[in-house]
Amino acid sequence: MRVQCGVLTAGMALLVLARNGVLFLVGWEAMALAAFLLIATEHDKAPARRAAWVYLVATHLCTLCLAAAIALMAGGGGLEWRAGAFDALAPERVVLVFALATTGFLIKAGLMPLHVWLPAAHASAPSHVSAVLSGVMLKMGAYGVLRFCALLPPLPATCGLVVAIVAGISALLAVAATLGQSDVKRLLAYSSIENLGIVFCGIGLALVGRSLGITELVVLGLGGGLFHVLNHALFKPLLFLAAGSIVHATGTREIDQLGGLARRMPRTALAFVVGAAAICGLPPLCGFAGEFALYLGLFRAATLDGPWIGALGIALLACLAMVGGLAVVAFVRCTATIFLGAPRSPHAAHAHESPRTVTGTLFVLAALCVAVGLAPWTCVPLLDLAIAPFLPPSGSVSLGALVPFGIVSAIAFATAIAVAGGLLWLRNRARRVAPATARVGTWDCGFVDASSPRLQYTGSSFAQFATRVLGWAVRERRESQAPLELFPAPHAFRRHAREPLLHDGFEPFLHRVAERCTALRFLQRGKLHVYLLYILAVLLLLLAWSTLVTRAHT
């Protein structure tokens, strides 16, 4: 696994540093193949193998889109990525390049409806691999969109509008799907889709502002989006590593089989609570500052005059407000079900805390979440450097000049003091010696075990109302057998969350495609010389096509 992690890191570093289209693709492919091997770490399990192969197909569709975009760019400006190299591209070609590149990058980022690979890959991969994939690799999609936008001439406002709308819908659908998940890692995977949707809302807003010449929208949109990239790189690895600690201690990822882990795993519980609060955008943690900047940008867009820019700002404000509220519901449900109450299974009853080397890593990430939340202005110089290429030379504006980070910090400090004071008061109250009282059992109406953990609310029941209201985004599939006999035997009840877009849309379509492709299996003979013949034939066809195109132009 060390080799795969090294190749993944090297691939991401290469594509970030590349100033050549071919080198960019080499870094992209190295990253993609290393991620495939990391997802397939537990290849002895069928779900892991399937998730890895689905990811491999998706990432090569992404690579195909990027290769086509780079080829179109090379036809008008060469393969070297220099400033102004592609200013001579025709407007139609610029839009086509942007569409192809953005499609590829959105597949990598996992935005709906291009998220086919992401939930299963994050759930099946080891937790530390999921932390790297979600915390770092998904951001390469956002980086790629910004890199291509910086290289290309100014795009029409429609491009930014489409990105913002797709991102807003993706964030809303993803957080709705989060509510119905019973697997803690799958829940975190859908949460990653939601957070990348928030990031791309900011990118779309910035592209609209750049096209219309509104510097404030560029600074606030990119500043809020990139700040959220930084924050997500802190709290999402924290949550995935904490989930890995839980899975290691209990042997299960099912939320409804856990419970009472706060007593058995107090350090992990504290770290998970910090990460959950940060991902919900609550002060005094890092998620608050980034979303605050993005909300300011959307409020600014909502107040602008124009046929559609104001409507876009209002729609995205409503969408992100709903996303934030549903995220709170999802993570309150997840945190309370896992850590509070009584153990719901022997797995949870016999859980043990992880070693201090593991929880120490969690505390470092949690401390960074708190530090960035209390002092968000420390990140402004880095964000200004990233925003500068998208601003006109005469219109450079600092993010700190548009966002009152002093007020944000004051709110964070006040909240931190209030939370710390409340915790100290609760601790002192718990330590008080209560007067001696006799404890006797309560009449339980004849039940044998009224204290059974099965009488607790489950995570599914906690979110039942929300999942019913959002049935268009997440559907429940129930399996039960009613006790109808005179002396009924034990019966069971199970529920599964089904995402209509994934399970009822993509999966049946892909199954039909796979059935049609079986007719082409005769091409796969397992003989090396036949494969070399295929390569030679394709090469000759490409040479012939290139010759014909060259003659047509001359």
Protein backbone atom coordinates (compact mmCIF):
# COMPACT_ATOMS: atom_id res chain seq x y z
CA MET A 1 0.00 0.00 0.00
CA ARG A 2 2.94 2.37 0.55
CA VAL A 3 3.79 2.20 -3.14
CA GLN A 4 0.23 3.02 -4.19
CA CYS A 5 0.06 5.94 -1.76
CA GLY A 6 3.37 7.24 -3.09
CA VAL A 7 2.22 6.99 -6.71
CA LEU A 8 -1.06 8.72 -5.81
CA THR A 9 0.81 11.59 -4.17
CA ALA A 10 3.29 11.86 -7.05
CA GLY A 11 0.48 11.85 -9.62
CA MET A 12 -1.40 14.64 -7.87
CA ALA A 13 1.80 16.67 -7.49
CA LEU A 14 2.61 16.23 -11.19
CA LEU A 15 -0.79 17.34 -12.45
CA VAL A 16 -0.69 20.40 -10.18
CA LEU A 17 2.78 21.38 -11.40
CA ALA A 18 2.33 20.42 -15.07
CA ARG A 19 2.58 23.16 -17.68
CA ASN A 20 2.07 20.78 -20.56
CA GLY A 21 -1.06 18.95 -21.63
CA VAL A 22 0.66 15.57 -21.95
CA LEU A 23 2.29 15.84 -18.51
CA PHE A 24 -1.07 16.79 -17.05
CA LEU A 25 -2.63 13.63 -18.47
CA VAL A 26 0.30 11.51 -17.24
CA GLY A 27 -0.16 12.83 -13.71
CA TRP A 28 -3.92 12.37 -13.96
CA GLU A 29 -3.60 8.76 -15.09
CA ALA A 30 -1.03 7.94 -12.40
CA MET A 31 -3.38 9.34 -9.78
CA ALA A 32 -6.33 7.41 -11.23
CA LEU A 33 -4.57 4.03 -11.35
CA ALA A 34 -3.09 4.42 -7.86
CA ALA A 35 -6.54 5.25 -6.49
CA PHE A 36 -7.94 2.14 -8.21
CA LEU A 37 -5.37 -0.06 -6.47
CA LEU A 38 -6.04 1.61 -3.11
CA ILE A 39 -9.81 1.14 -3.42
CA ALA A 40 -9.18 -2.54 -4.23
CA THR A 41 -6.99 -3.05 -1.14
CA GLU A 42 -9.48 -5.55 0.32
CA HIS A 43 -9.89 -7.31 -3.02
CA ASP A 44 -10.88 -10.55 -1.33
CA LYS A 45 -14.31 -8.97 -0.73
CA ALA A 46 -16.72 -8.82 -3.65
CA PRO A 47 -18.07 -5.28 -2.87
CA ALA A 48 -14.52 -3.89 -2.86
CA ARG A 49 -13.73 -5.50 -6.23
CA ARG A 50 -16.93 -4.19 -7.76
CA ALA A 51 -16.39 -0.68 -6.39
CA ALA A 52 -12.83 -0.63 -7.76
CA TRP A 53 -13.89 -1.69 -11.26
CA VAL A 54 -16.73 0.84 -11.34
CA TYR A 55 -14.25 3.52 -10.32
CA LEU A 56 -11.80 2.41 -13.01
CA VAL A 57 -14.43 2.72 -15.74
CA ALA A 58 -15.60 6.11 -14.45
CA THR A 59 -12.10 7.54 -14.17
CA HIS A 60 -11.23 6.49 -17.71
CA LEU A 61 -14.38 8.16 -19.02
CA CYS A 62 -13.07 11.21 -17.21
CA THR A 63 -9.64 10.80 -18.82
CA LEU A 64 -11.27 10.43 -22.25
CA CYS A 65 -13.07 13.77 -21.81
CA LEU A 66 -9.86 15.47 -20.68
CA ALA A 67 -7.84 14.01 -23.56
CA ALA A 68 -10.42 15.32 -26.04
CA ALA A 69 -10.36 18.77 -24.42
CA ILE A 70 -6.55 18.93 -24.44
CA ALA A 71 -6.46 17.79 -28.08
CA LEU A 72 -8.84 20.62 -29.04
CA MET A 73 -6.68 23.09 -27.14
CA ALA A 74 -3.53 21.78 -28.81
CA GLY A 75 -5.10 22.31 -32.23
CA GLY A 76 -5.34 26.04 -31.57
CA GLY A 77 -2.55 26.81 -29.14
CA GLY A 78 -0.22 23.85 -28.77
CA LEU A 79 0.47 21.60 -25.81
CA GLU A 80 2.47 24.12 -23.78
CA TRP A 81 0.28 25.87 -21.22
CA ARG A 82 1.49 29.47 -21.24
CA ALA A 83 -0.40 32.63 -20.40
CA GLY A 84 -2.34 33.80 -23.47
CA ALA A 85 -1.49 30.69 -25.49
CA PHE A 86 -5.16 29.93 -26.17
CA ASP A 87 -6.53 33.45 -26.65
CA ALA A 88 -6.87 32.83 -30.39
CA LEU A 89 -9.27 29.90 -29.98
CA ALA A 90 -12.67 30.37 -31.57
CA PRO A 91 -15.49 31.01 -29.06
CA GLU A 92 -17.27 27.82 -30.09
CA ARG A 93 -14.13 25.76 -29.49
CA VAL A 94 -13.59 27.45 -26.11
CA VAL A 95 -17.08 26.46 -24.98
CA LEU A 96 -16.60 22.90 -26.27
CA VAL A 97 -13.26 22.57 -24.45
CA PHE A 98 -14.84 23.87 -21.26
CA ALA A 99 -17.79 21.47 -21.56
CA LEU A 100 -15.55 18.43 -22.11
CA ALA A 101 -13.08 19.35 -19.37
CA THR A 102 -15.79 20.22 -16.85
CA THR A 103 -17.61 16.95 -17.51
CA GLY A 104 -14.41 15.03 -16.85
CA PHE A 105 -13.58 16.99 -13.71
CA LEU A 106 -17.12 16.65 -12.34
CA ILE A 107 -16.83 12.87 -12.72
CA LYS A 108 -13.67 12.98 -10.62
CA ALA A 109 -15.27 15.29 -8.06
CA GLY A 110 -18.28 12.98 -7.87
CA LEU A 111 -21.02 15.55 -8.39
CA MET A 112 -24.47 14.20 -9.18
CA PRO A 113 -25.45 12.77 -11.58
CA LEU A 114 -21.83 11.74 -12.30
CA HIS A 115 -21.23 10.21 -8.86
CA VAL A 116 -21.72 6.56 -9.84
CA TRP A 117 -18.34 5.45 -8.48
CA LEU A 118 -18.06 7.51 -5.30
CA PRO A 119 -20.38 6.05 -2.60
CA ALA A 120 -19.28 2.44 -3.06
CA ALA A 121 -15.60 3.35 -3.43
CA HIS A 122 -15.48 5.32 -0.18
CA ALA A 123 -17.45 2.67 1.69
CA SER A 124 -15.32 -0.23 0.45
CA ALA A 125 -11.87 1.34 0.74
CA PRO A 126 -9.95 1.28 4.05
CA SER A 127 -10.78 4.31 6.17
CA HIS A 128 -7.38 5.97 5.80
CA VAL A 129 -7.66 5.58 2.02
CA SER A 130 -11.14 7.13 2.10
CA ALA A 131 -9.68 10.02 4.10
CA VAL A 132 -7.11 10.70 1.37
CA LEU A 133 -9.55 10.24 -1.50
CA SER A 134 -12.15 12.55 0.01
CA GLY A 135 -9.80 15.04 1.62
CA VAL A 136 -7.41 15.48 -1.31
CA MET A 137 -8.16 13.56 -4.51
CA LEU A 138 -11.72 14.81 -5.02
CA LYS A 139 -10.37 18.38 -4.91
CA MET A 140 -8.41 17.67 -8.08
CA GLY A 141 -11.72 18.02 -9.91
CA ALA A 142 -12.19 21.56 -8.58
CA TYR A 143 -8.54 22.36 -9.29
CA GLY A 144 -8.87 21.13 -12.87
CA VAL A 145 -11.88 23.33 -13.60
CA LEU A 146 -10.08 26.39 -12.26
CA ARG A 147 -6.87 25.52 -14.12
CA PHE A 148 -8.65 25.26 -17.46
CA CYS A 149 -10.67 28.42 -16.81
CA ALA A 150 -7.42 30.29 -16.11
CA LEU A 151 -5.93 29.05 -19.40
CA LEU A 152 -8.95 29.71 -21.62
CA PRO A 153 -10.24 33.12 -22.71
CA PRO A 154 -13.16 34.55 -20.68
CA LEU A 155 -16.15 32.23 -20.87
CA PRO A 156 -19.80 33.17 -21.44
CA ALA A 157 -21.84 33.70 -18.29
CA THR A 158 -23.94 30.69 -19.28
CA CYS A 159 -21.03 28.38 -18.43
CA GLY A 160 -20.86 29.64 -14.85
CA LEU A 161 -24.64 29.52 -14.60
CA VAL A 162 -24.73 25.84 -15.61
CA VAL A 163 -21.94 24.95 -13.14
CA ALA A 164 -23.71 26.74 -10.29
CA ILE A 165 -27.09 25.13 -11.01
CA VAL A 166 -25.64 21.62 -11.32
CA ALA A 167 -23.65 22.12 -8.12
CA GLY A 168 -26.64 23.37 -6.15
CA ILE A 169 -28.85 20.49 -7.27
CA SER A 170 -26.05 18.02 -6.54
CA ALA A 171 -25.56 19.37 -3.01
CA LEU A 172 -29.28 19.15 -2.27
CA LEU A 173 -29.70 15.62 -3.65
CA ALA A 174 -26.58 14.40 -1.87
CA VAL A 175 -27.55 15.71 1.56
CA ALA A 176 -31.02 14.20 1.09
CA ALA A 177 -29.41 10.85 0.30
CA THR A 178 -27.22 11.22 3.40
CA LEU A 179 -30.29 11.07 5.63
CA GLY A 180 -31.20 7.56 4.52
CA GLN A 181 -27.80 5.89 4.85
CA SER A 182 -27.29 3.17 7.45
CA ASP A 183 -23.58 2.70 6.66
CA VAL A 184 -21.45 5.35 8.40
CA LYS A 185 -18.82 5.45 5.64
CA ARG A 186 -21.42 5.61 2.90
CA LEU A 187 -23.03 8.49 4.79
CA LEU A 188 -19.70 10.32 4.81
CA ALA A 189 -19.29 9.60 1.09
CA TYR A 190 -22.59 11.30 0.23
CA SER A 191 -21.57 14.14 2.52
CA SER A 192 -18.44 14.58 0.37
CA ILE A 193 -20.66 14.97 -2.70
CA GLU A 194 -22.66 17.60 -0.84
CA ASN A 195 -19.54 19.54 0.16
CA LEU A 196 -18.08 19.43 -3.34
CA GLY A 197 -21.42 20.79 -4.52
CA ILE A 198 -20.95 23.76 -2.18
CA VAL A 199 -17.43 24.29 -3.57
CA PHE A 200 -18.67 24.28 -7.17
CA CYS A 201 -21.47 26.71 -6.26
CA GLY A 202 -18.72 29.16 -5.39
CA ILE A 203 -16.81 28.37 -8.59
CA GLY A 204 -19.92 28.84 -10.71
CA LEU A 205 -20.66 32.16 -9.01
CA ALA A 206 -17.08 33.30 -9.68
CA LEU A 207 -17.30 32.34 -13.36
CA VAL A 208 -20.52 34.34 -13.69
CA GLY A 209 -18.88 37.32 -12.00
CA ARG A 210 -15.80 37.05 -14.22
CA SER A 211 -17.93 37.01 -17.36
CA LEU A 212 -20.00 40.01 -16.24
CA GLY A 213 -16.99 41.92 -14.92
CA ILE A 214 -18.18 41.94 -11.28
CA THR A 215 -15.03 41.59 -9.21
CA GLU A 216 -16.89 41.12 -5.92
CA LEU A 217 -18.58 37.96 -7.15
CA VAL A 218 -15.26 36.54 -8.33
CA VAL A 219 -13.53 37.21 -5.00
CA LEU A 220 -16.40 36.06 -2.78
CA GLY A 221 -17.30 33.05 -4.93
CA LEU A 222 -13.76 31.77 -5.34
CA GLY A 223 -12.78 32.80 -1.82
CA GLY A 224 -15.72 30.98 -0.25
CA GLY A 225 -15.30 27.93 -2.48
CA LEU A 226 -11.55 27.59 -1.94
CA PHE A 227 -11.89 28.25 1.78
CA HIS A 228 -14.37 25.38 1.88
CA VAL A 229 -11.85 23.22 0.00
CA LEU A 230 -9.34 23.88 2.78
CA ASN A 231 -11.91 23.24 5.51
CA HIS A 232 -13.13 20.04 3.90
CA ALA A 233 -9.53 18.82 3.74
CA LEU A 234 -9.47 19.11 7.55
CA PHE A 235 -12.81 17.86 8.83
CA LYS A 236 -13.54 15.11 6.29
CA PRO A 237 -10.31 13.13 6.95
CA LEU A 238 -11.06 13.63 10.65
CA LEU A 239 -14.50 12.04 10.22
CA PHE A 240 -13.27 9.19 8.03
CA LEU A 241 -10.42 8.35 10.40
CA ALA A 242 -12.81 8.46 13.36
CA ALA A 243 -15.19 6.19 11.44
CA GLY A 244 -12.27 3.83 10.82
CA SER A 245 -11.55 3.80 14.54
CA ILE A 246 -15.19 2.86 15.16
CA VAL A 247 -15.15 0.12 12.52
CA HIS A 248 -11.90 -1.28 13.94
CA ALA A 249 -13.33 -1.35 17.48
CA THR A 250 -16.74 -2.80 16.62
CA GLY A 251 -16.30 -4.67 13.34
CA THR A 252 -19.39 -3.08 11.76
CA ARG A 253 -20.26 0.02 9.74
CA GLU A 254 -24.00 -0.21 10.42
CA ILE A 255 -25.13 2.84 12.39
CA ASP A 256 -28.18 1.12 13.89
CA GLN A 257 -26.00 -1.64 15.39
CA LEU A 258 -23.91 0.82 17.39
CA GLY A 259 -24.68 3.00 20.39
CA GLY A 260 -23.15 3.89 23.72
CA LEU A 261 -19.66 4.33 22.28
CA ALA A 262 -19.09 7.65 24.06
CA ARG A 263 -18.38 5.74 27.28
CA ARG A 264 -16.20 3.13 25.60
CA MET A 265 -14.41 5.39 23.10
CA PRO A 266 -14.44 8.89 24.63
CA ARG A 267 -11.51 10.28 22.65
CA THR A 268 -12.90 9.09 19.33
CA ALA A 269 -16.33 10.42 20.29
CA LEU A 270 -14.93 13.88 21.05
CA ALA A 271 -13.05 14.02 17.75
CA PHE A 272 -16.09 12.86 15.78
CA VAL A 273 -18.31 15.49 17.42
CA VAL A 274 -15.82 18.22 16.48
CA GLY A 275 -15.74 17.00 12.87
CA ALA A 276 -19.53 16.74 12.69
CA ALA A 277 -19.96 20.28 14.03
CA ALA A 278 -17.37 21.58 11.56
CA ILE A 279 -19.02 19.92 8.56
CA CYS A 280 -22.35 21.46 9.58
CA GLY A 281 -20.76 24.93 9.41
CA LEU A 282 -21.17 25.72 13.10
CA PRO A 283 -18.94 28.20 14.94
CA PRO A 284 -16.31 28.18 16.39
CA LEU A 285 -15.09 25.65 13.79
CA CYS A 286 -13.58 26.05 10.34
CA GLY A 287 -16.67 25.28 8.29
CA PHE A 288 -18.38 28.47 9.45
CA ALA A 289 -15.92 30.98 7.94
CA GLY A 290 -15.86 29.47 4.43
CA GLU A 291 -19.62 29.22 4.14
CA PHE A 292 -19.96 32.75 5.56
CA ALA A 293 -17.88 34.13 2.66
CA LEU A 294 -19.90 32.14 0.13
CA TYR A 295 -23.20 33.35 1.60
CA LEU A 296 -21.97 36.96 1.32
CA GLY A 297 -21.29 36.37 -2.37
CA LEU A 298 -24.75 34.92 -2.92
CA PHE A 299 -26.38 37.82 -1.06
CA ARG A 300 -24.42 40.21 -3.29
CA ALA A 301 -25.61 38.37 -6.40
CA ALA A 302 -29.20 38.45 -5.16
CA THR A 303 -29.10 42.26 -4.92
CA LEU A 304 -27.75 42.83 -8.44
CA ASP A 305 -29.92 44.10 -11.27
CA GLY A 306 -30.24 41.73 -14.18
CA PRO A 307 -32.63 39.32 -15.84
CA TRP A 308 -31.28 36.23 -14.08
CA ILE A 309 -28.32 37.00 -11.80
CA GLY A 310 -30.60 38.01 -8.91
CA ALA A 311 -32.72 34.89 -9.36
CA LEU A 312 -29.56 32.76 -9.35
CA GLY A 313 -28.40 34.29 -6.07
CA ILE A 314 -31.78 33.79 -4.39
CA ALA A 315 -32.11 30.20 -5.64
CA LEU A 316 -28.62 29.23 -4.46
CA LEU A 317 -29.19 30.93 -1.10
CA ALA A 318 -32.36 28.91 -0.56
CA CYS A 319 -30.65 25.73 -1.75
CA LEU A 320 -27.59 26.10 0.51
CA ALA A 321 -29.75 27.07 3.48
CA MET A 322 -31.73 23.86 3.04
CA VAL A 323 -28.52 21.89 2.57
CA GLY A 324 -27.12 23.27 5.81
CA GLY A 325 -30.25 22.39 7.78
CA LEU A 326 -30.43 18.86 6.42
CA ALA A 327 -26.71 18.36 7.11
CA VAL A 328 -27.34 19.20 10.77
CA VAL A 329 -30.17 16.64 10.89
CA ALA A 330 -28.00 13.98 9.23
CA PHE A 331 -25.02 14.40 11.55
CA VAL A 332 -27.07 14.78 14.73
CA ARG A 333 -28.73 11.50 13.80
CA CYS A 334 -25.40 9.83 13.03
CA THR A 335 -23.56 11.12 16.11
CA ALA A 336 -26.37 10.46 18.57
CA THR A 337 -27.06 6.95 17.31
CA ILE A 338 -23.41 5.92 17.38
CA PHE A 339 -22.24 7.46 20.63
CA LEU A 340 -25.28 7.91 22.90
CA GLY A 341 -27.74 5.51 24.49
CA ALA A 342 -27.05 1.86 25.19
CA PRO A 343 -25.17 -0.56 22.90
CA ARG A 344 -27.53 -2.03 20.31
CA SER A 345 -25.39 -5.08 19.55
CA PRO A 346 -22.56 -7.15 21.04
CA HIS A 347 -20.22 -5.37 18.62
CA ALA A 348 -20.86 -2.06 20.35
CA ALA A 349 -20.98 -3.55 23.85
CA HIS A 350 -17.43 -4.90 23.54
CA ALA A 351 -15.91 -1.90 21.76
CA HIS A 352 -12.56 -0.55 22.87
CA GLU A 353 -10.78 2.74 22.43
CA SER A 354 -8.17 3.03 19.69
CA PRO A 355 -4.47 3.47 20.56
CA ARG A 356 -3.27 6.95 21.42
CA THR A 357 -1.29 7.09 18.18
CA VAL A 358 -4.61 6.94 16.32
CA THR A 359 -6.59 9.28 18.56
CA GLY A 360 -3.63 11.67 18.60
CA THR A 361 -4.00 12.10 14.84
CA LEU A 362 -7.70 12.78 15.34
CA PHE A 363 -6.95 15.43 17.94
CA VAL A 364 -4.44 17.17 15.64
CA LEU A 365 -7.08 17.46 12.90
CA ALA A 366 -9.70 18.56 15.44
CA ALA A 367 -7.33 21.23 16.78
CA LEU A 368 -6.74 22.51 13.24
CA CYS A 369 -10.51 22.74 12.71
CA VAL A 370 -10.79 24.87 15.86
CA ALA A 371 -7.72 26.99 15.04
CA VAL A 372 -8.91 27.88 11.53
CA GLY A 373 -12.38 28.62 12.89
CA LEU A 374 -11.01 30.99 15.55
CA ALA A 375 -8.48 32.72 13.27
CA PRO A 376 -9.81 32.52 9.69
CA TRP A 377 -7.86 35.59 8.58
CA THR A 378 -4.65 33.55 8.65
CA CYS A 379 -5.81 31.79 5.46
CA VAL A 380 -6.58 35.00 3.55
CA PRO A 381 -3.09 35.51 1.99
CA LEU A 382 -3.13 31.98 0.54
CA LEU A 383 -6.64 32.46 -0.83
CA ASP A 384 -5.73 35.83 -2.36
CA LEU A 385 -2.87 34.18 -4.27
CA ALA A 386 -5.26 31.59 -5.70
CA ILE A 387 -7.87 34.20 -6.65
CA ALA A 388 -5.44 36.64 -8.31
CA PRO A 389 -5.23 34.92 -11.77
CA PHE A 390 -8.99 35.37 -12.22
CA LEU A 391 -9.00 39.12 -11.52
CA PRO A 392 -8.20 41.94 -13.96
CA PRO A 393 -4.80 43.58 -13.38
CA SER A 394 -6.43 46.82 -12.28
CA GLY A 395 -9.12 45.24 -10.11
CA SER A 396 -7.21 43.30 -7.49
CA VAL A 397 -9.27 43.02 -4.30
CA SER A 398 -8.41 41.07 -1.17
CA LEU A 399 -10.89 38.62 0.27
CA GLY A 400 -10.25 40.15 3.68
CA ALA A 401 -11.53 43.51 2.40
CA LEU A 402 -14.92 42.03 1.49
CA VAL A 403 -15.46 39.54 4.32
CA PRO A 404 -15.47 40.84 7.93
CA PHE A 405 -13.28 38.07 9.31
CA GLY A 406 -12.90 40.06 12.53
CA ILE A 407 -16.62 39.67 13.19
CA VAL A 408 -16.46 36.01 12.17
CA SER A 409 -13.62 35.48 14.64
CA ALA A 410 -15.50 37.33 17.39
CA ILE A 411 -18.54 35.09 16.85
CA ALA A 412 -16.28 32.04 16.97
CA PHE A 413 -14.57 33.12 20.20
CA ALA A 414 -17.91 33.97 21.85
CA THR A 415 -19.33 30.60 20.86
CA ALA A 416 -16.20 28.80 22.08
CA ILE A 417 -16.39 30.54 25.46
CA ALA A 418 -20.10 29.74 25.77
CA VAL A 419 -19.57 26.08 24.86
CA ALA A 420 -16.60 25.74 27.24
CA GLY A 421 -18.57 27.38 30.05
CA GLY A 422 -21.54 25.09 29.47
CA LEU A 423 -19.34 21.99 29.50
CA LEU A 424 -17.63 23.08 32.75
CA TRP A 425 -21.00 23.71 34.38
CA LEU A 426 -22.26 20.27 33.34
CA ARG A 427 -19.06 18.67 34.62
CA ASN A 428 -19.32 20.38 38.01
CA ARG A 429 -22.96 19.47 38.28
CA ALA A 430 -22.21 15.82 37.54
CA ARG A 431 -19.53 15.76 40.25
CA ARG A 432 -21.85 16.94 42.98
CA VAL A 433 -22.62 14.25 45.51
CA ALA A 434 -26.28 13.38 45.30
CA PRO A 435 -28.16 12.51 48.52
CA ALA A 436 -28.47 8.82 49.27
CA THR A 437 -31.63 7.46 47.69
CA ALA A 438 -33.00 3.99 47.31
CA ARG A 439 -33.14 2.73 43.74
CA VAL A 440 -35.96 0.31 42.99
CA GLY A 441 -37.34 -1.07 39.78
CA THR A 442 -40.24 0.66 38.05
CA TRP A 443 -43.44 -1.16 37.19
CA ASP A 444 -42.99 -2.13 33.55
CA CYS A 445 -46.42 -3.51 32.71
CA GLY A 446 -45.20 -7.09 32.67
CA PHE A 447 -42.37 -6.74 30.17
CA VAL A 448 -39.44 -8.98 30.93
CA ASP A 449 -36.74 -6.49 29.97
CA ALA A 450 -37.99 -2.95 29.71
CA SER A 451 -34.41 -1.66 29.52
CA SER A 452 -33.58 -3.55 26.32
CA PRO A 453 -31.55 -1.46 23.86
CA ARG A 454 -34.02 -2.49 21.18
CA LEU A 455 -36.54 -0.10 22.75
CA GLN A 456 -34.35 2.91 21.88
CA TYR A 457 -34.92 5.12 18.90
CA THR A 458 -32.74 4.07 16.00
CA GLY A 459 -31.08 6.35 13.51
CA SER A 460 -33.67 5.32 10.94
CA SER A 461 -36.56 6.35 13.17
CA PHE A 462 -34.85 9.65 13.99
CA ALA A 463 -34.71 10.60 10.30
CA GLN A 464 -38.00 8.96 9.29
CA PHE A 465 -39.93 12.21 8.85
CA ALA A 466 -37.18 13.82 6.78
CA THR A 467 -36.75 10.77 4.54
CA ARG A 468 -40.50 10.64 3.90
CA VAL A 469 -40.63 14.32 2.99
CA LEU A 470 -37.60 13.85 0.72
CA GLY A 471 -38.86 10.63 -0.82
CA TRP A 472 -38.15 12.00 -4.29
CA ALA A 473 -34.43 11.94 -3.47
CA VAL A 474 -34.11 8.87 -1.25
CA ARG A 475 -36.50 5.93 -1.12
CA GLU A 476 -36.78 3.33 1.58
CA ARG A 477 -37.10 -0.34 0.76
CA ARG A 478 -38.55 -2.34 3.64
CA GLU A 479 -38.48 -6.06 4.27
CA SER A 480 -40.70 -7.32 7.08
CA GLN A 481 -42.92 -10.23 8.04
CA ALA A 482 -45.85 -9.50 10.31
CA PRO A 483 -46.49 -11.88 13.28
CA LEU A 484 -49.88 -13.35 12.35
CA GLU A 485 -49.82 -16.68 14.21
CA LEU A 486 -51.60 -17.32 17.50
CA PHE A 487 -48.22 -17.77 19.16
CA PRO A 488 -46.08 -15.63 16.87
CA ALA A 489 -42.51 -16.61 16.18
CA PRO A 490 -39.72 -14.02 16.17
CA HIS A 491 -39.81 -11.85 13.09
CA ALA A 492 -37.44 -9.32 11.57
CA PHE A 493 -37.67 -5.91 9.98
CA ARG A 494 -35.04 -4.45 7.67
CA ARG A 495 -34.85 -1.28 5.63
CA HIS A 496 -32.54 -0.16 2.84
CA ALA A 497 -32.11 3.31 1.40
CA ARG A 498 -32.32 3.42 -2.37
CA GLU A 499 -31.17 6.42 -4.33
CA PRO A 500 -33.47 6.69 -7.38
CA LEU A 501 -30.83 8.29 -9.60
CA LEU A 502 -28.21 5.63 -8.87
CA HIS A 503 -30.16 2.43 -8.24
CA ASP A 504 -33.12 3.02 -10.56
CA GLY A 505 -31.36 5.03 -13.26
CA PHE A 506 -27.67 4.35 -13.78
CA GLU A 507 -27.44 0.75 -12.60
CA PRO A 508 -30.16 -0.67 -14.93
CA PHE A 509 -28.70 1.33 -17.82
CA LEU A 510 -25.17 0.07 -17.16
CA HIS A 511 -26.43 -3.51 -16.86
CA ARG A 512 -28.05 -3.22 -20.29
CA VAL A 513 -24.85 -1.77 -21.75
CA ALA A 514 -22.85 -4.65 -20.25
CA GLU A 515 -25.23 -7.18 -21.78
CA ARG A 516 -24.87 -5.57 -25.21
CA CYS A 517 -21.08 -5.49 -24.89
CA THR A 518 -20.88 -9.24 -24.37
CA ALA A 519 -21.25 -9.57 -28.14
CA LEU A 520 -17.77 -8.02 -28.49
CA ARG A 521 -16.00 -10.50 -26.27
CA PHE A 522 -14.66 -12.36 -29.26
CA LEU A 523 -12.13 -9.50 -29.62
CA GLN A 524 -10.61 -10.39 -26.26
CA ARG A 525 -8.76 -13.57 -27.15
CA GLY A 526 -6.08 -13.42 -24.47
CA LYS A 527 -3.25 -13.49 -27.02
CA LEU A 528 -0.62 -10.76 -26.95
CA HIS A 529 0.09 -10.76 -30.69
CA VAL A 530 -3.60 -10.13 -31.42
CA TYR A 531 -3.60 -7.11 -29.10
CA LEU A 532 -0.47 -5.77 -30.80
CA LEU A 533 -2.28 -6.13 -34.12
CA TYR A 534 -5.18 -4.05 -32.76
CA ILE A 535 -2.75 -1.32 -31.68
CA LEU A 536 -1.06 -1.30 -35.08
CA ALA A 537 -4.41 -1.09 -36.89
CA VAL A 538 -5.55 1.87 -34.79
CA LEU A 539 -2.20 3.61 -35.29
CA LEU A 540 -2.45 3.21 -39.06
CA LEU A 541 -6.00 4.57 -39.05
CA LEU A 542 -4.90 7.61 -37.05
CA LEU A 543 -1.99 8.25 -39.41
CA ALA A 544 -4.32 8.01 -42.41
CA TRP A 545 -6.82 10.36 -40.79
CA SER A 546 -4.07 12.86 -39.94
CA THR A 547 -2.77 12.78 -43.51
CA LEU A 548 -6.24 13.39 -44.97
CA VAL A 549 -6.90 16.29 -42.61
CA THR A 550 -3.54 17.89 -43.43
CA ARG A 551 -4.17 17.63 -47.18
CA ALA A 552 -7.65 19.08 -46.78
CA HIS A 553 -6.24 22.16 -45.01
CA THR A 554 -3.51 22.67 -47.59
